[in-house]
Amino acid sequence: MELVKSIYKLVNQFPQTETYALGIQMKRAVVSIPSNIAEGSRRSSRKDFRHFLLNAYGSGAELETQIEIARQLNFCNNTEFCGESQKLLSEVMKMLNKLVNSL
């Protein structure tokens, strides 16, 4: 959830023209991560749970790319937000990887 809040803060500093372009894609990807974890945790089998965790991992990979795009397009005026978001995403990806491998 901290990652979601971080990405929303980051996107809020994007240029107005990106509000409905890259920004919305980043919001969708970041919200998809905890949503897939939650949905998968309520499934009846480990196989289903693993499937949803892999979906969450895929959304994280999308978000990694989108953060890099924002950085290269200089949409991250305050590098603190980019750095914080990237750090949180890295932690989430490591946790997801470990959880997937444990199932």
PDB file of N, CA and C in Angstrom:
ATOM      1  N   MET A   1       0.827  -1.192   0.000  1.00  0.00           N
ATOM      2  CA  MET A   1       0.000   0.000   0.000  1.00  0.00           C
ATOM      3  C   MET A   1       0.869   1.252   0.000  1.00  0.00           C
ATOM      4  N   GLU A   2       2.040   1.159   0.615  1.00  0.00           N
ATOM      5  CA  GLU A   2       2.961   2.303   0.594  1.00  0.00           C
ATOM      6  C   GLU A   2       3.398   2.611  -0.839  1.00  0.00           C
ATOM      7  N   LEU A   3       3.577   1.560  -1.615  1.00  0.00           N
ATOM      8  CA  LEU A   3       3.958   1.754  -3.014  1.00  0.00           C
ATOM      9  C   LEU A   3       2.841   2.477  -3.773  1.00  0.00           C
ATOM     10  N   VAL A   4       1.611   2.106  -3.526  1.00  0.00           N
ATOM     11  CA  VAL A   4       0.480   2.761  -4.190  1.00  0.00           C
ATOM     12  C   VAL A   4       0.483   4.252  -3.865  1.00  0.00           C
ATOM     13  N   LYS A   5       0.632   4.570  -2.595  1.00  0.00           N
ATOM     14  CA  LYS A   5       0.649   5.984  -2.195  1.00  0.00           C
ATOM     15  C   LYS A   5       1.824   6.722  -2.831  1.00  0.00           C
ATOM     16  N   SER A   6       2.969   6.078  -2.894  1.00  0.00           N
ATOM     17  CA  SER A   6       4.151   6.692  -3.477  1.00  0.00           C
ATOM     18  C   SER A   6       3.954   6.998  -4.960  1.00  0.00           C
ATOM     19  N   ILE A   7       3.367   6.064  -5.693  1.00  0.00           N
ATOM     20  CA  ILE A   7       3.143   6.268  -7.123  1.00  0.00           C
ATOM     21  C   ILE A   7       2.111   7.373  -7.351  1.00  0.00           C
ATOM     22  N   TYR A   8       1.085   7.405  -6.543  1.00  0.00           N
ATOM     23  CA  TYR A   8       0.091   8.477  -6.688  1.00  0.00           C
ATOM     24  C   TYR A   8       0.737   9.847  -6.448  1.00  0.00           C
ATOM     25  N   LYS A   9       1.620   9.944  -5.456  1.00  0.00           N
ATOM     26  CA  LYS A   9       2.333  11.207  -5.218  1.00  0.00           C
ATOM     27  C   LYS A   9       3.215  11.554  -6.421  1.00  0.00           C
ATOM     28  N   LEU A  10       3.892  10.553  -6.942  1.00  0.00           N
ATOM     29  CA  LEU A  10       4.771  10.762  -8.087  1.00  0.00           C
ATOM     30  C   LEU A  10       3.980  11.266  -9.299  1.00  0.00           C
ATOM     31  N   VAL A  11       2.891  10.601  -9.606  1.00  0.00           N
ATOM     32  CA  VAL A  11       2.083  10.960 -10.771  1.00  0.00           C
ATOM     33  C   VAL A  11       1.482  12.360 -10.616  1.00  0.00           C
ATOM     34  N   ASN A  12       1.182  12.751  -9.405  1.00  0.00           N
ATOM     35  CA  ASN A  12       0.613  14.084  -9.172  1.00  0.00           C
ATOM     36  C   ASN A  12       1.552  15.212  -9.579  1.00  0.00           C
ATOM     37  N   GLN A  13       2.838  14.931  -9.698  1.00  0.00           N
ATOM     38  CA  GLN A  13       3.769  15.980 -10.106  1.00  0.00           C
ATOM     39  C   GLN A  13       4.077  15.941 -11.606  1.00  0.00           C
ATOM     40  N   PHE A  14       3.445  15.026 -12.336  1.00  0.00           N
ATOM     41  CA  PHE A  14       3.624  14.955 -13.787  1.00  0.00           C
ATOM     42  C   PHE A  14       2.987  16.173 -14.447  1.00  0.00           C
ATOM     43  N   PRO A  15       3.441  16.498 -15.651  1.00  0.00           N
ATOM     44  CA  PRO A  15       2.780  17.565 -16.412  1.00  0.00           C
ATOM     45  C   PRO A  15       1.310  17.206 -16.659  1.00  0.00           C
ATOM     46  N   GLN A  16       0.476  18.208 -16.760  1.00  0.00           N
ATOM     47  CA  GLN A  16      -0.962  18.001 -16.964  1.00  0.00           C
ATOM     48  C   GLN A  16      -1.246  17.110 -18.170  1.00  0.00           C
ATOM     49  N   THR A  17      -0.435  17.230 -19.208  1.00  0.00           N
ATOM     50  CA  THR A  17      -0.655  16.446 -20.427  1.00  0.00           C
ATOM     51  C   THR A  17      -0.479  14.952 -20.206  1.00  0.00           C
ATOM     52  N   GLU A  18       0.202  14.583 -19.146  1.00  0.00           N
ATOM     53  CA  GLU A  18       0.453  13.167 -18.867  1.00  0.00           C
ATOM     54  C   GLU A  18      -0.537  12.572 -17.874  1.00  0.00           C
ATOM     55  N   THR A  19      -1.447  13.382 -17.383  1.00  0.00           N
ATOM     56  CA  THR A  19      -2.417  12.899 -16.398  1.00  0.00           C
ATOM     57  C   THR A  19      -3.204  11.706 -16.933  1.00  0.00           C
ATOM     58  N   TYR A  20      -3.575  11.762 -18.202  1.00  0.00           N
ATOM     59  CA  TYR A  20      -4.379  10.685 -18.780  1.00  0.00           C
ATOM     60  C   TYR A  20      -3.582   9.796 -19.717  1.00  0.00           C
ATOM     61  N   ALA A  21      -2.300   9.841 -19.645  1.00  0.00           N
ATOM     62  CA  ALA A  21      -1.453   9.002 -20.488  1.00  0.00           C
ATOM     63  C   ALA A  21      -0.614   8.095 -19.587  1.00  0.00           C
ATOM     64  N   LEU A  22       0.637   8.432 -19.416  1.00  0.00           N
ATOM     65  CA  LEU A  22       1.533   7.610 -18.603  1.00  0.00           C
ATOM     66  C   LEU A  22       1.049   7.517 -17.153  1.00  0.00           C
ATOM     67  N   GLY A  23       0.560   8.613 -16.627  1.00  0.00           N
ATOM     68  CA  GLY A  23       0.113   8.635 -15.236  1.00  0.00           C
ATOM     69  C   GLY A  23      -0.969   7.618 -14.946  1.00  0.00           C
ATOM     70  N   ILE A  24      -1.968   7.526 -15.812  1.00  0.00           N
ATOM     71  CA  ILE A  24      -3.063   6.581 -15.590  1.00  0.00           C
ATOM     72  C   ILE A  24      -2.573   5.144 -15.722  1.00  0.00           C
ATOM     73  N   GLN A  25      -1.627   4.909 -16.625  1.00  0.00           N
ATOM     74  CA  GLN A  25      -1.056   3.565 -16.774  1.00  0.00           C
ATOM     75  C   GLN A  25      -0.309   3.150 -15.504  1.00  0.00           C
ATOM     76  N   MET A  26       0.419   4.095 -14.934  1.00  0.00           N
ATOM     77  CA  MET A  26       1.163   3.798 -13.707  1.00  0.00           C
ATOM     78  C   MET A  26       0.211   3.526 -12.548  1.00  0.00           C
ATOM     79  N   LYS A  27      -0.858   4.296 -12.459  1.00  0.00           N
ATOM     80  CA  LYS A  27      -1.836   4.078 -11.389  1.00  0.00           C
ATOM     81  C   LYS A  27      -2.493   2.711 -11.527  1.00  0.00           C
ATOM     82  N   ARG A  28      -2.839   2.348 -12.747  1.00  0.00           N
ATOM     83  CA  ARG A  28      -3.463   1.029 -12.961  1.00  0.00           C
ATOM     84  C   ARG A  28      -2.504  -0.100 -12.594  1.00  0.00           C
ATOM     85  N   ALA A  29      -1.260   0.026 -13.002  1.00  0.00           N
ATOM     86  CA  ALA A  29      -0.283  -1.027 -12.714  1.00  0.00           C
ATOM     87  C   ALA A  29      -0.052  -1.168 -11.213  1.00  0.00           C
ATOM     88  N   VAL A  30       0.086  -0.042 -10.520  1.00  0.00           N
ATOM     89  CA  VAL A  30       0.393  -0.122  -9.090  1.00  0.00           C
ATOM     90  C   VAL A  30      -0.796  -0.640  -8.287  1.00  0.00           C
ATOM     91  N   VAL A  31      -2.005  -0.272  -8.672  1.00  0.00           N
ATOM     92  CA  VAL A  31      -3.189  -0.763  -7.966  1.00  0.00           C
ATOM     93  C   VAL A  31      -3.393  -2.253  -8.246  1.00  0.00           C
ATOM     94  N   SER A  32      -2.969  -2.693  -9.408  1.00  0.00           N
ATOM     95  CA  SER A  32      -3.099  -4.097  -9.769  1.00  0.00           C
ATOM     96  C   SER A  32      -2.261  -5.011  -8.870  1.00  0.00           C
ATOM     97  N   ILE A  33      -1.159  -4.514  -8.356  1.00  0.00           N
ATOM     98  CA  ILE A  33      -0.275  -5.355  -7.536  1.00  0.00           C
ATOM     99  C   ILE A  33      -0.987  -5.837  -6.270  1.00  0.00           C
ATOM    100  N   PRO A  34      -1.419  -4.953  -5.367  1.00  0.00           N
ATOM    101  CA  PRO A  34      -2.089  -5.456  -4.168  1.00  0.00           C
ATOM    102  C   PRO A  34      -3.441  -6.105  -4.468  1.00  0.00           C
ATOM    103  N   SER A  35      -4.100  -5.677  -5.543  1.00  0.00           N
ATOM    104  CA  SER A  35      -5.393  -6.269  -5.904  1.00  0.00           C
ATOM    105  C   SER A  35      -5.226  -7.735  -6.282  1.00  0.00           C
ATOM    106  N   ASN A  36      -4.196  -8.047  -7.074  1.00  0.00           N
ATOM    107  CA  ASN A  36      -3.943  -9.439  -7.442  1.00  0.00           C
ATOM    108  C   ASN A  36      -3.510 -10.275  -6.245  1.00  0.00           C
ATOM    109  N   ILE A  37      -2.732  -9.695  -5.361  1.00  0.00           N
ATOM    110  CA  ILE A  37      -2.322 -10.422  -4.151  1.00  0.00           C
ATOM    111  C   ILE A  37      -3.555 -10.757  -3.318  1.00  0.00           C
ATOM    112  N   ALA A  38      -4.426  -9.775  -3.132  1.00  0.00           N
ATOM    113  CA  ALA A  38      -5.636  -9.984  -2.335  1.00  0.00           C
ATOM    114  C   ALA A  38      -6.543 -11.039  -2.964  1.00  0.00           C
ATOM    115  N   GLU A  39      -6.765 -10.915  -4.267  1.00  0.00           N
ATOM    116  CA  GLU A  39      -7.638 -11.879  -4.937  1.00  0.00           C
ATOM    117  C   GLU A  39      -7.055 -13.283  -4.868  1.00  0.00           C
ATOM    118  N   GLY A  40      -5.773 -13.398  -5.141  1.00  0.00           N
ATOM    119  CA  GLY A  40      -5.138 -14.711  -5.105  1.00  0.00           C
ATOM    120  C   GLY A  40      -5.146 -15.343  -3.725  1.00  0.00           C
ATOM    121  N   SER A  41      -5.016 -14.520  -2.696  1.00  0.00           N
ATOM    122  CA  SER A  41      -4.996 -15.066  -1.335  1.00  0.00           C
ATOM    123  C   SER A  41      -6.329 -15.671  -0.935  1.00  0.00           C
ATOM    124  N   ARG A  42      -7.395 -15.282  -1.616  1.00  0.00           N
ATOM    125  CA  ARG A  42      -8.733 -15.808  -1.324  1.00  0.00           C
ATOM    126  C   ARG A  42      -9.106 -16.996  -2.203  1.00  0.00           C
ATOM    127  N   ARG A  43      -8.224 -17.380  -3.077  1.00  0.00           N
ATOM    128  CA  ARG A  43      -8.487 -18.538  -3.930  1.00  0.00           C
ATOM    129  C   ARG A  43      -8.296 -19.826  -3.139  1.00  0.00           C
ATOM    130  N   SER A  44      -8.828 -20.891  -3.681  1.00  0.00           N
ATOM    131  CA  SER A  44      -8.870 -22.145  -2.926  1.00  0.00           C
ATOM    132  C   SER A  44      -7.626 -23.014  -3.049  1.00  0.00           C
ATOM    133  N   SER A  45      -6.724 -22.667  -3.962  1.00  0.00           N
ATOM    134  CA  SER A  45      -5.546 -23.517  -4.112  1.00  0.00           C
ATOM    135  C   SER A  45      -4.270 -22.692  -4.197  1.00  0.00           C
ATOM    136  N   ARG A  46      -3.172 -23.352  -3.879  1.00  0.00           N
ATOM    137  CA  ARG A  46      -1.858 -22.700  -3.993  1.00  0.00           C
ATOM    138  C   ARG A  46      -1.554 -22.338  -5.444  1.00  0.00           C
ATOM    139  N   LYS A  47      -1.997 -23.200  -6.364  1.00  0.00           N
ATOM    140  CA  LYS A  47      -1.767 -22.957  -7.782  1.00  0.00           C
ATOM    141  C   LYS A  47      -2.450 -21.660  -8.211  1.00  0.00           C
ATOM    142  N   ASP A  48      -3.693 -21.463  -7.783  1.00  0.00           N
ATOM    143  CA  ASP A  48      -4.404 -20.224  -8.110  1.00  0.00           C
ATOM    144  C   ASP A  48      -3.729 -19.025  -7.477  1.00  0.00           C
ATOM    145  N   PHE A  49      -3.336 -19.162  -6.217  1.00  0.00           N
ATOM    146  CA  PHE A  49      -2.659 -18.068  -5.519  1.00  0.00           C
ATOM    147  C   PHE A  49      -1.384 -17.691  -6.253  1.00  0.00           C
ATOM    148  N   ARG A  50      -0.614 -18.689  -6.659  1.00  0.00           N
ATOM    149  CA  ARG A  50       0.641 -18.451  -7.390  1.00  0.00           C
ATOM    150  C   ARG A  50       0.365 -17.713  -8.702  1.00  0.00           C
ATOM    151  N   HIS A  51      -0.705 -18.110  -9.391  1.00  0.00           N
ATOM    152  CA  HIS A  51      -1.073 -17.459 -10.649  1.00  0.00           C
ATOM    153  C   HIS A  51      -1.305 -15.960 -10.432  1.00  0.00           C
ATOM    154  N   PHE A  52      -2.030 -15.605  -9.394  1.00  0.00           N
ATOM    155  CA  PHE A  52      -2.306 -14.197  -9.124  1.00  0.00           C
ATOM    156  C   PHE A  52      -1.062 -13.457  -8.656  1.00  0.00           C
ATOM    157  N   LEU A  53      -0.195 -14.138  -7.942  1.00  0.00           N
ATOM    158  CA  LEU A  53       1.072 -13.512  -7.547  1.00  0.00           C
ATOM    159  C   LEU A  53       1.922 -13.208  -8.776  1.00  0.00           C
ATOM    160  N   LEU A  54       1.908 -14.109  -9.741  1.00  0.00           N
ATOM    161  CA  LEU A  54       2.644 -13.859 -10.982  1.00  0.00           C
ATOM    162  C   LEU A  54       2.041 -12.694 -11.762  1.00  0.00           C
ATOM    163  N   ASN A  55       0.723 -12.554 -11.708  1.00  0.00           N
ATOM    164  CA  ASN A  55       0.086 -11.383 -12.324  1.00  0.00           C
ATOM    165  C   ASN A  55       0.548 -10.103 -11.636  1.00  0.00           C
ATOM    166  N   ALA A  56       0.613 -10.140 -10.313  1.00  0.00           N
ATOM    167  CA  ALA A  56       1.085  -8.975  -9.555  1.00  0.00           C
ATOM    168  C   ALA A  56       2.534  -8.667  -9.921  1.00  0.00           C
ATOM    169  N   TYR A  57       3.345  -9.699 -10.077  1.00  0.00           N
ATOM    170  CA  TYR A  57       4.751  -9.531 -10.453  1.00  0.00           C
ATOM    171  C   TYR A  57       4.858  -8.888 -11.838  1.00  0.00           C
ATOM    172  N   GLY A  58       3.989  -9.315 -12.743  1.00  0.00           N
ATOM    173  CA  GLY A  58       3.968  -8.731 -14.085  1.00  0.00           C
ATOM    174  C   GLY A  58       3.597  -7.252 -14.049  1.00  0.00           C
ATOM    175  N   SER A  59       2.641  -6.894 -13.196  1.00  0.00           N
ATOM    176  CA  SER A  59       2.268  -5.484 -13.042  1.00  0.00           C
ATOM    177  C   SER A  59       3.439  -4.684 -12.478  1.00  0.00           C
ATOM    178  N   GLY A  60       4.190  -5.303 -11.590  1.00  0.00           N
ATOM    179  CA  GLY A  60       5.381  -4.647 -11.050  1.00  0.00           C
ATOM    180  C   GLY A  60       6.414  -4.400 -12.128  1.00  0.00           C
ATOM    181  N   ALA A  61       6.566  -5.363 -13.038  1.00  0.00           N
ATOM    182  CA  ALA A  61       7.514  -5.194 -14.145  1.00  0.00           C
ATOM    183  C   ALA A  61       7.068  -4.051 -15.057  1.00  0.00           C
ATOM    184  N   GLU A  62       5.761  -3.959 -15.310  1.00  0.00           N
ATOM    185  CA  GLU A  62       5.241  -2.834 -16.096  1.00  0.00           C
ATOM    186  C   GLU A  62       5.571  -1.514 -15.407  1.00  0.00           C
ATOM    187  N   LEU A  63       5.352  -1.484 -14.106  1.00  0.00           N
ATOM    188  CA  LEU A  63       5.583  -0.260 -13.348  1.00  0.00           C
ATOM    189  C   LEU A  63       7.059   0.125 -13.346  1.00  0.00           C
ATOM    190  N   GLU A  64       7.947  -0.850 -13.271  1.00  0.00           N
ATOM    191  CA  GLU A  64       9.384  -0.552 -13.364  1.00  0.00           C
ATOM    192  C   GLU A  64       9.689   0.194 -14.658  1.00  0.00           C
ATOM    193  N   THR A  65       9.143  -0.304 -15.749  1.00  0.00           N
ATOM    194  CA  THR A  65       9.364   0.319 -17.050  1.00  0.00           C
ATOM    195  C   THR A  65       8.775   1.720 -17.089  1.00  0.00           C
ATOM    196  N   GLN A  66       7.586   1.886 -16.540  1.00  0.00           N
ATOM    197  CA  GLN A  66       6.916   3.178 -16.559  1.00  0.00           C
ATOM    198  C   GLN A  66       7.644   4.213 -15.710  1.00  0.00           C
ATOM    199  N   ILE A  67       8.194   3.797 -14.583  1.00  0.00           N
ATOM    200  CA  ILE A  67       8.990   4.717 -13.763  1.00  0.00           C
ATOM    201  C   ILE A  67      10.223   5.170 -14.539  1.00  0.00           C
ATOM    202  N   GLU A  68      10.847   4.238 -15.233  1.00  0.00           N
ATOM    203  CA  GLU A  68      12.024   4.593 -16.036  1.00  0.00           C
ATOM    204  C   GLU A  68      11.657   5.540 -17.170  1.00  0.00           C
ATOM    205  N   ILE A  69      10.517   5.314 -17.792  1.00  0.00           N
ATOM    206  CA  ILE A  69      10.050   6.231 -18.841  1.00  0.00           C
ATOM    207  C   ILE A  69       9.858   7.627 -18.255  1.00  0.00           C
ATOM    208  N   ALA A  70       9.204   7.702 -17.106  1.00  0.00           N
ATOM    209  CA  ALA A  70       8.973   9.002 -16.453  1.00  0.00           C
ATOM    210  C   ALA A  70      10.301   9.687 -16.131  1.00  0.00           C
ATOM    211  N   ARG A  71      11.269   8.895 -15.692  1.00  0.00           N
ATOM    212  CA  ARG A  71      12.592   9.459 -15.368  1.00  0.00           C
ATOM    213  C   ARG A  71      13.269  10.000 -16.625  1.00  0.00           C
ATOM    214  N   GLN A  72      13.236   9.218 -17.705  1.00  0.00           N
ATOM    215  CA  GLN A  72      13.906   9.636 -18.939  1.00  0.00           C
ATOM    216  C   GLN A  72      13.218  10.826 -19.607  1.00  0.00           C
ATOM    217  N   LEU A  73      11.928  10.980 -19.371  1.00  0.00           N
ATOM    218  CA  LEU A  73      11.197  12.124 -19.924  1.00  0.00           C
ATOM    219  C   LEU A  73      11.209  13.327 -18.979  1.00  0.00           C
ATOM    220  N   ASN A  74      11.973  13.199 -17.903  1.00  0.00           N
ATOM    221  CA  ASN A  74      12.104  14.262 -16.896  1.00  0.00           C
ATOM    222  C   ASN A  74      10.775  14.662 -16.258  1.00  0.00           C
ATOM    223  N   PHE A  75       9.892  13.666 -16.057  1.00  0.00           N
ATOM    224  CA  PHE A  75       8.638  13.924 -15.362  1.00  0.00           C
ATOM    225  C   PHE A  75       8.821  13.869 -13.851  1.00  0.00           C
ATOM    226  N   CYS A  76       9.954  13.392 -13.419  1.00  0.00           N
ATOM    227  CA  CYS A  76      10.254  13.302 -11.988  1.00  0.00           C
ATOM    228  C   CYS A  76      11.050  14.533 -11.595  1.00  0.00           C
ATOM    229  N   ASN A  77      10.367  15.637 -11.427  1.00  0.00           N
ATOM    230  CA  ASN A  77      11.042  16.871 -11.041  1.00  0.00           C
ATOM    231  C   ASN A  77      11.735  16.728  -9.698  1.00  0.00           C
ATOM    232  N   ASN A  78      11.072  16.060  -8.799  1.00  0.00           N
ATOM    233  CA  ASN A  78      11.633  15.815  -7.485  1.00  0.00           C
ATOM    234  C   ASN A  78      12.141  14.377  -7.480  1.00  0.00           C
ATOM    235  N   THR A  79      13.437  14.200  -7.616  1.00  0.00           N
ATOM    236  CA  THR A  79      14.002  12.857  -7.728  1.00  0.00           C
ATOM    237  C   THR A  79      13.735  12.018  -6.494  1.00  0.00           C
ATOM    238  N   GLU A  80      13.401  12.668  -5.391  1.00  0.00           N
ATOM    239  CA  GLU A  80      13.072  11.926  -4.175  1.00  0.00           C
ATOM    240  C   GLU A  80      11.881  11.006  -4.434  1.00  0.00           C
ATOM    241  N   PHE A  81      10.860  11.501  -5.153  1.00  0.00           N
ATOM    242  CA  PHE A  81       9.684  10.679  -5.438  1.00  0.00           C
ATOM    243  C   PHE A  81      10.031   9.509  -6.339  1.00  0.00           C
ATOM    244  N   CYS A  82      10.826   9.742  -7.365  1.00  0.00           N
ATOM    245  CA  CYS A  82      11.240   8.655  -8.256  1.00  0.00           C
ATOM    246  C   CYS A  82      12.040   7.610  -7.480  1.00  0.00           C
ATOM    247  N   GLY A  83      12.983   8.092  -6.708  1.00  0.00           N
ATOM    248  CA  GLY A  83      13.825   7.181  -5.940  1.00  0.00           C
ATOM    249  C   GLY A  83      13.044   6.391  -4.912  1.00  0.00           C
ATOM    250  N   GLU A  84      12.127   7.056  -4.214  1.00  0.00           N
ATOM    251  CA  GLU A  84      11.307   6.381  -3.204  1.00  0.00           C
ATOM    252  C   GLU A  84      10.427   5.322  -3.858  1.00  0.00           C
ATOM    253  N   SER A  85       9.804   5.676  -4.957  1.00  0.00           N
ATOM    254  CA  SER A  85       8.933   4.738  -5.660  1.00  0.00           C
ATOM    255  C   SER A  85       9.719   3.538  -6.158  1.00  0.00           C
ATOM    256  N   GLN A  86      10.887   3.785  -6.737  1.00  0.00           N
ATOM    257  CA  GLN A  86      11.713   2.698  -7.249  1.00  0.00           C
ATOM    258  C   GLN A  86      12.173   1.781  -6.115  1.00  0.00           C
ATOM    259  N   LYS A  87      12.544   2.350  -4.992  1.00  0.00           N
ATOM    260  CA  LYS A  87      12.992   1.554  -3.844  1.00  0.00           C
ATOM    261  C   LYS A  87      11.852   0.680  -3.313  1.00  0.00           C
ATOM    262  N   LEU A  88      10.678   1.268  -3.145  1.00  0.00           N
ATOM    263  CA  LEU A  88       9.528   0.498  -2.664  1.00  0.00           C
ATOM    264  C   LEU A  88       9.155  -0.609  -3.640  1.00  0.00           C
ATOM    265  N   LEU A  89       9.180  -0.288  -4.928  1.00  0.00           N
ATOM    266  CA  LEU A  89       8.861  -1.302  -5.936  1.00  0.00           C
ATOM    267  C   LEU A  89       9.865  -2.440  -5.896  1.00  0.00           C
ATOM    268  N   SER A  90      11.124  -2.128  -5.734  1.00  0.00           N
ATOM    269  CA  SER A  90      12.148  -3.165  -5.651  1.00  0.00           C
ATOM    270  C   SER A  90      11.886  -4.100  -4.467  1.00  0.00           C
ATOM    271  N   GLU A  91      11.510  -3.533  -3.335  1.00  0.00           N
ATOM    272  CA  GLU A  91      11.193  -4.341  -2.152  1.00  0.00           C
ATOM    273  C   GLU A  91       9.978  -5.231  -2.404  1.00  0.00           C
ATOM    274  N   VAL A  92       8.949  -4.673  -3.017  1.00  0.00           N
ATOM    275  CA  VAL A  92       7.739  -5.445  -3.322  1.00  0.00           C
ATOM    276  C   VAL A  92       8.067  -6.586  -4.283  1.00  0.00           C
ATOM    277  N   MET A  93       8.860  -6.305  -5.288  1.00  0.00           N
ATOM    278  CA  MET A  93       9.217  -7.340  -6.265  1.00  0.00           C
ATOM    279  C   MET A  93      10.006  -8.474  -5.602  1.00  0.00           C
ATOM    280  N   LYS A  94      10.903  -8.133  -4.691  1.00  0.00           N
ATOM    281  CA  LYS A  94      11.656  -9.168  -3.971  1.00  0.00           C
ATOM    282  C   LYS A  94      10.726 -10.017  -3.126  1.00  0.00           C
ATOM    283  N   MET A  95       9.786  -9.374  -2.441  1.00  0.00           N
ATOM    284  CA  MET A  95       8.837 -10.122  -1.605  1.00  0.00           C
ATOM    285  C   MET A  95       7.965 -11.036  -2.461  1.00  0.00           C
ATOM    286  N   LEU A  96       7.485 -10.516  -3.583  1.00  0.00           N
ATOM    287  CA  LEU A  96       6.665 -11.338  -4.473  1.00  0.00           C
ATOM    288  C   LEU A  96       7.457 -12.528  -4.995  1.00  0.00           C
ATOM    289  N   ASN A  97       8.696 -12.293  -5.381  1.00  0.00           N
ATOM    290  CA  ASN A  97       9.546 -13.361  -5.894  1.00  0.00           C
ATOM    291  C   ASN A  97       9.718 -14.463  -4.849  1.00  0.00           C
ATOM    292  N   LYS A  98       9.989 -14.071  -3.620  1.00  0.00           N
ATOM    293  CA  LYS A  98      10.163 -15.065  -2.552  1.00  0.00           C
ATOM    294  C   LYS A  98       8.865 -15.829  -2.282  1.00  0.00           C
ATOM    295  N   LEU A  99       7.754 -15.107  -2.291  1.00  0.00           N
ATOM    296  CA  LEU A  99       6.473 -15.754  -2.043  1.00  0.00           C
ATOM    297  C   LEU A  99       6.117 -16.727  -3.162  1.00  0.00           C
ATOM    298  N   VAL A 100       6.323 -16.323  -4.404  1.00  0.00           N
ATOM    299  CA  VAL A 100       6.061 -17.223  -5.535  1.00  0.00           C
ATOM    300  C   VAL A 100       6.927 -18.474  -5.431  1.00  0.00           C
ATOM    301  N   ASN A 101       8.194 -18.302  -5.112  1.00  0.00           N
ATOM    302  CA  ASN A 101       9.109 -19.437  -5.023  1.00  0.00           C
ATOM    303  C   ASN A 101       8.796 -20.356  -3.852  1.00  0.00           C
ATOM    304  N   SER A 102       8.098 -19.840  -2.856  1.00  0.00           N
ATOM    305  CA  SER A 102       7.764 -20.675  -1.699  1.00  0.00           C
ATOM    306  C   SER A 102       6.519 -21.540  -1.935  1.00  0.00           C
ATOM    307  N   LEU A 103       5.780 -21.230  -2.985  1.00  0.00           N
ATOM    308  CA  LEU A 103       4.533 -21.989  -3.249  1.00  0.00           C
ATOM    309  C   LEU A 103       4.763 -23.185  -4.144  1.00  0.00           C
TER     310      LEU A 103
END
